[in-house]
């Protein structure tokens, strides 16, 4: 299962960076766009994805909650790329080393979570908010970014067309 979980986190990192690449080409007006049923603007959602991933990595490492990035706001694509690359690579490392903790005690929230629950939260959170951004792009008449497993598998050579 280590290899499968590692590949899942590799997909997560790939999808985050691919989405950043696409969003970096948008105008300020497009980055500030939103749509009903989404988290907020594209810009705010990107910051939220990075903030969430920082939280989940800290949880898996048994560290206290980091400051919320949303309070700082959007500080550019370079910072988001560095953050998402760092947290994405850490998630991959944890999976490769079979180092996902059995549980995490969140003293701030007063709950204990199974380690597998933190994995579910990390993957689901990013996937859901990337979909929000793709919905906004569609609403703007911009082709959504292909981020699904099929696109990843094809690009990474994990599947072949027969």
C-alpha atoms as a PDB file:
ATOM      1  CA  UNK A   1       0.000   0.000   0.000  1.00  0.00           C
ATOM      2  CA  UNK A   2       2.987   2.328   0.436  1.00  0.00           C
ATOM      3  CA  UNK A   3       3.485   2.586  -3.338  1.00  0.00           C
ATOM      4  CA  UNK A   4      -0.188   3.374  -3.942  1.00  0.00           C
ATOM      5  CA  UNK A   5      -0.347   6.047  -1.248  1.00  0.00           C
ATOM      6  CA  UNK A   6       2.907   7.534  -2.534  1.00  0.00           C
ATOM      7  CA  UNK A   7       1.438   7.741  -6.060  1.00  0.00           C
ATOM      8  CA  UNK A   8      -1.715   9.361  -4.693  1.00  0.00           C
ATOM      9  CA  UNK A   9       0.382  12.113  -3.095  1.00  0.00           C
ATOM     10  CA  UNK A  10       2.465  12.444  -6.272  1.00  0.00           C
ATOM     11  CA  UNK A  11      -0.783  13.055  -8.169  1.00  0.00           C
ATOM     12  CA  UNK A  12      -1.800  15.633  -5.573  1.00  0.00           C
ATOM     13  CA  UNK A  13       1.460  17.561  -6.001  1.00  0.00           C
ATOM     14  CA  UNK A  14       1.278  17.309  -9.801  1.00  0.00           C
ATOM     15  CA  UNK A  15      -2.325  18.576  -9.824  1.00  0.00           C
ATOM     16  CA  UNK A  16      -1.551  21.489  -7.485  1.00  0.00           C
ATOM     17  CA  UNK A  17       1.421  22.632  -9.565  1.00  0.00           C
ATOM     18  CA  UNK A  18      -0.403  22.140 -12.868  1.00  0.00           C
ATOM     19  CA  UNK A  19      -3.265  24.277 -11.578  1.00  0.00           C
ATOM     20  CA  UNK A  20      -0.830  26.970 -10.420  1.00  0.00           C
ATOM     21  CA  UNK A  21       0.775  26.984 -13.886  1.00  0.00           C
ATOM     22  CA  UNK A  22      -2.622  27.597 -15.482  1.00  0.00           C
ATOM     23  CA  UNK A  23      -3.731  30.228 -12.973  1.00  0.00           C
ATOM     24  CA  UNK A  24      -0.460  32.136 -13.261  1.00  0.00           C
ATOM     25  CA  UNK A  25      -1.517  33.078 -16.814  1.00  0.00           C
ATOM     26  CA  UNK A  26      -4.790  34.650 -15.660  1.00  0.00           C
ATOM     27  CA  UNK A  27      -5.454  38.364 -15.370  1.00  0.00           C
ATOM     28  CA  UNK A  28      -6.063  40.010 -11.996  1.00  0.00           C
ATOM     29  CA  UNK A  29      -9.742  40.264 -12.877  1.00  0.00           C
ATOM     30  CA  UNK A  30      -9.902  36.519 -13.578  1.00  0.00           C
ATOM     31  CA  UNK A  31      -7.994  35.680 -10.390  1.00  0.00           C
ATOM     32  CA  UNK A  32     -10.560  37.690  -8.424  1.00  0.00           C
ATOM     33  CA  UNK A  33     -13.501  35.907 -10.067  1.00  0.00           C
ATOM     34  CA  UNK A  34     -15.723  33.566  -8.100  1.00  0.00           C
ATOM     35  CA  UNK A  35     -18.836  31.524  -8.722  1.00  0.00           C
ATOM     36  CA  UNK A  36     -21.721  30.316  -6.543  1.00  0.00           C
ATOM     37  CA  UNK A  37     -20.945  27.108  -4.701  1.00  0.00           C
ATOM     38  CA  UNK A  38     -17.175  27.652  -4.619  1.00  0.00           C
ATOM     39  CA  UNK A  39     -14.857  28.629  -1.764  1.00  0.00           C
ATOM     40  CA  UNK A  40     -14.222  32.151  -3.044  1.00  0.00           C
ATOM     41  CA  UNK A  41     -12.085  33.803  -5.672  1.00  0.00           C
ATOM     42  CA  UNK A  42      -9.461  31.812  -7.553  1.00  0.00           C
ATOM     43  CA  UNK A  43      -6.778  33.766  -5.725  1.00  0.00           C
ATOM     44  CA  UNK A  44      -8.307  33.074  -2.283  1.00  0.00           C
ATOM     45  CA  UNK A  45      -8.892  29.413  -3.107  1.00  0.00           C
ATOM     46  CA  UNK A  46      -5.251  28.891  -4.095  1.00  0.00           C
ATOM     47  CA  UNK A  47      -4.150  30.384  -0.766  1.00  0.00           C
ATOM     48  CA  UNK A  48      -6.677  28.163   1.034  1.00  0.00           C
ATOM     49  CA  UNK A  49      -5.373  25.016  -0.694  1.00  0.00           C
ATOM     50  CA  UNK A  50      -1.815  25.848   0.410  1.00  0.00           C
ATOM     51  CA  UNK A  51      -2.947  26.664   3.945  1.00  0.00           C
ATOM     52  CA  UNK A  52      -4.861  23.408   4.242  1.00  0.00           C
ATOM     53  CA  UNK A  53      -1.952  21.349   2.985  1.00  0.00           C
ATOM     54  CA  UNK A  54       0.365  23.007   5.508  1.00  0.00           C
ATOM     55  CA  UNK A  55      -2.102  22.065   8.253  1.00  0.00           C
ATOM     56  CA  UNK A  56      -2.340  18.427   7.171  1.00  0.00           C
ATOM     57  CA  UNK A  57       1.448  18.040   6.948  1.00  0.00           C
ATOM     58  CA  UNK A  58       1.816  19.492  10.447  1.00  0.00           C
ATOM     59  CA  UNK A  59      -0.843  17.072  11.674  1.00  0.00           C
ATOM     60  CA  UNK A  60       1.000  14.111  10.151  1.00  0.00           C
ATOM     61  CA  UNK A  61       4.270  15.302  11.693  1.00  0.00           C
ATOM     62  CA  UNK A  62       2.630  15.765  15.104  1.00  0.00           C
ATOM     63  CA  UNK A  63       3.326  19.503  15.048  1.00  0.00           C
ATOM     64  CA  UNK A  64       1.052  22.310  16.245  1.00  0.00           C
ATOM     65  CA  UNK A  65      -1.252  24.039  13.805  1.00  0.00           C
ATOM     66  CA  UNK A  66       0.555  26.563  11.602  1.00  0.00           C
ATOM     67  CA  UNK A  67      -0.731  30.134  11.194  1.00  0.00           C
ATOM     68  CA  UNK A  68      -3.510  30.343   8.620  1.00  0.00           C
ATOM     69  CA  UNK A  69      -2.223  31.639   5.279  1.00  0.00           C
ATOM     70  CA  UNK A  70      -5.612  33.212   4.598  1.00  0.00           C
ATOM     71  CA  UNK A  71      -4.790  35.902   7.166  1.00  0.00           C
ATOM     72  CA  UNK A  72      -1.794  36.987   5.042  1.00  0.00           C
ATOM     73  CA  UNK A  73      -3.744  36.878   1.790  1.00  0.00           C
ATOM     74  CA  UNK A  74      -2.340  36.232  -1.656  1.00  0.00           C
ATOM     75  CA  UNK A  75       1.383  36.970  -1.822  1.00  0.00           C
ATOM     76  CA  UNK A  76       2.101  35.782  -5.332  1.00  0.00           C
ATOM     77  CA  UNK A  77       2.583  32.567  -7.209  1.00  0.00           C
ATOM     78  CA  UNK A  78       6.220  32.006  -6.241  1.00  0.00           C
ATOM     79  CA  UNK A  79       5.344  31.675  -2.565  1.00  0.00           C
ATOM     80  CA  UNK A  80       2.406  29.386  -3.287  1.00  0.00           C
ATOM     81  CA  UNK A  81       4.579  27.234  -5.546  1.00  0.00           C
ATOM     82  CA  UNK A  82       7.275  26.948  -2.856  1.00  0.00           C
ATOM     83  CA  UNK A  83       4.723  26.079  -0.197  1.00  0.00           C
ATOM     84  CA  UNK A  84       2.833  23.510  -2.276  1.00  0.00           C
ATOM     85  CA  UNK A  85       6.058  21.945  -3.532  1.00  0.00           C
ATOM     86  CA  UNK A  86       7.404  21.655   0.012  1.00  0.00           C
ATOM     87  CA  UNK A  87       4.248  20.235   1.531  1.00  0.00           C
ATOM     88  CA  UNK A  88       3.625  18.003  -1.476  1.00  0.00           C
ATOM     89  CA  UNK A  89       7.120  16.551  -1.278  1.00  0.00           C
ATOM     90  CA  UNK A  90       6.736  16.045   2.478  1.00  0.00           C
ATOM     91  CA  UNK A  91       3.481  14.118   1.962  1.00  0.00           C
ATOM     92  CA  UNK A  92       5.251  11.936  -0.607  1.00  0.00           C
ATOM     93  CA  UNK A  93       8.164  11.373   1.783  1.00  0.00           C
ATOM     94  CA  UNK A  94       5.824  10.399   4.613  1.00  0.00           C
ATOM     95  CA  UNK A  95       4.048   7.912   2.357  1.00  0.00           C
ATOM     96  CA  UNK A  96       7.288   6.451   0.977  1.00  0.00           C
ATOM     97  CA  UNK A  97       8.637   5.925   4.478  1.00  0.00           C
ATOM     98  CA  UNK A  98       5.337   4.488   5.702  1.00  0.00           C
ATOM     99  CA  UNK A  99       5.426   7.281   8.287  1.00  0.00           C
ATOM    100  CA  UNK A 100       1.753   8.279   8.412  1.00  0.00           C
ATOM    101  CA  UNK A 101       0.991   8.378  12.151  1.00  0.00           C
ATOM    102  CA  UNK A 102      -1.596   6.063  13.662  1.00  0.00           C
ATOM    103  CA  UNK A 103      -3.387   9.082  15.100  1.00  0.00           C
ATOM    104  CA  UNK A 104      -3.144  12.818  15.633  1.00  0.00           C
ATOM    105  CA  UNK A 105      -4.326  14.688  18.700  1.00  0.00           C
ATOM    106  CA  UNK A 106      -5.560  18.171  17.790  1.00  0.00           C
ATOM    107  CA  UNK A 107      -5.496  19.999  21.090  1.00  0.00           C
ATOM    108  CA  UNK A 108      -6.889  23.199  19.512  1.00  0.00           C
ATOM    109  CA  UNK A 109     -10.019  21.412  18.319  1.00  0.00           C
ATOM    110  CA  UNK A 110     -10.146  18.879  21.173  1.00  0.00           C
ATOM    111  CA  UNK A 111     -10.281  15.854  18.849  1.00  0.00           C
ATOM    112  CA  UNK A 112      -8.154  12.861  18.047  1.00  0.00           C
ATOM    113  CA  UNK A 113      -8.039  11.788  14.407  1.00  0.00           C
ATOM    114  CA  UNK A 114      -6.841   8.505  12.957  1.00  0.00           C
ATOM    115  CA  UNK A 115      -3.832   9.014  10.690  1.00  0.00           C
ATOM    116  CA  UNK A 116      -5.829   7.651   7.789  1.00  0.00           C
ATOM    117  CA  UNK A 117      -8.415  10.356   8.442  1.00  0.00           C
ATOM    118  CA  UNK A 118      -5.735  13.033   8.001  1.00  0.00           C
ATOM    119  CA  UNK A 119      -4.769  11.434   4.659  1.00  0.00           C
ATOM    120  CA  UNK A 120      -8.410  11.511   3.562  1.00  0.00           C
ATOM    121  CA  UNK A 121      -8.722  15.155   4.602  1.00  0.00           C
ATOM    122  CA  UNK A 122      -5.534  16.165   2.780  1.00  0.00           C
ATOM    123  CA  UNK A 123      -6.523  14.541  -0.517  1.00  0.00           C
ATOM    124  CA  UNK A 124     -10.202  15.473  -0.386  1.00  0.00           C
ATOM    125  CA  UNK A 125      -9.535  19.084   0.569  1.00  0.00           C
ATOM    126  CA  UNK A 126      -7.177  19.730  -2.339  1.00  0.00           C
ATOM    127  CA  UNK A 127      -9.328  17.852  -4.859  1.00  0.00           C
ATOM    128  CA  UNK A 128     -12.485  19.695  -3.865  1.00  0.00           C
ATOM    129  CA  UNK A 129     -10.939  23.144  -4.065  1.00  0.00           C
ATOM    130  CA  UNK A 130      -9.131  22.452  -7.342  1.00  0.00           C
ATOM    131  CA  UNK A 131     -12.568  21.530  -8.699  1.00  0.00           C
ATOM    132  CA  UNK A 132     -13.906  24.860  -7.405  1.00  0.00           C
ATOM    133  CA  UNK A 133     -11.240  26.704  -9.385  1.00  0.00           C
ATOM    134  CA  UNK A 134     -12.041  24.669 -12.492  1.00  0.00           C
ATOM    135  CA  UNK A 135     -15.714  25.572 -12.050  1.00  0.00           C
ATOM    136  CA  UNK A 136     -14.829  29.258 -11.929  1.00  0.00           C
ATOM    137  CA  UNK A 137     -12.649  28.880 -15.026  1.00  0.00           C
ATOM    138  CA  UNK A 138     -15.565  27.223 -16.847  1.00  0.00           C
ATOM    139  CA  UNK A 139     -17.863  30.023 -15.712  1.00  0.00           C
ATOM    140  CA  UNK A 140     -15.374  32.504 -17.227  1.00  0.00           C
ATOM    141  CA  UNK A 141     -15.368  30.585 -20.511  1.00  0.00           C
ATOM    142  CA  UNK A 142     -11.832  29.280 -19.926  1.00  0.00           C
ATOM    143  CA  UNK A 143     -11.029  25.623 -20.531  1.00  0.00           C
ATOM    144  CA  UNK A 144     -10.700  23.882 -17.142  1.00  0.00           C
ATOM    145  CA  UNK A 145      -7.350  22.301 -16.301  1.00  0.00           C
ATOM    146  CA  UNK A 146      -7.206  18.510 -16.708  1.00  0.00           C
ATOM    147  CA  UNK A 147      -6.222  17.307 -13.252  1.00  0.00           C
ATOM    148  CA  UNK A 148      -7.867  13.919 -12.986  1.00  0.00           C
ATOM    149  CA  UNK A 149      -6.218  10.554 -12.592  1.00  0.00           C
ATOM    150  CA  UNK A 150      -6.551   9.785 -16.302  1.00  0.00           C
ATOM    151  CA  UNK A 151      -4.557  12.856 -17.307  1.00  0.00           C
ATOM    152  CA  UNK A 152      -1.961  12.158 -14.618  1.00  0.00           C
ATOM    153  CA  UNK A 153      -1.682   8.491 -15.573  1.00  0.00           C
ATOM    154  CA  UNK A 154      -1.240   9.299 -19.231  1.00  0.00           C
ATOM    155  CA  UNK A 155       1.383  11.993 -18.638  1.00  0.00           C
ATOM    156  CA  UNK A 156       3.273   9.888 -16.075  1.00  0.00           C
ATOM    157  CA  UNK A 157       3.210   6.766 -18.246  1.00  0.00           C
ATOM    158  CA  UNK A 158       1.039   4.823 -15.805  1.00  0.00           C
ATOM    159  CA  UNK A 159      -1.426   3.903 -18.538  1.00  0.00           C
ATOM    160  CA  UNK A 160      -1.185   3.264 -22.189  1.00  0.00           C
ATOM    161  CA  UNK A 161      -3.677   3.527 -25.021  1.00  0.00           C
ATOM    162  CA  UNK A 162      -4.143   0.211 -26.812  1.00  0.00           C
END
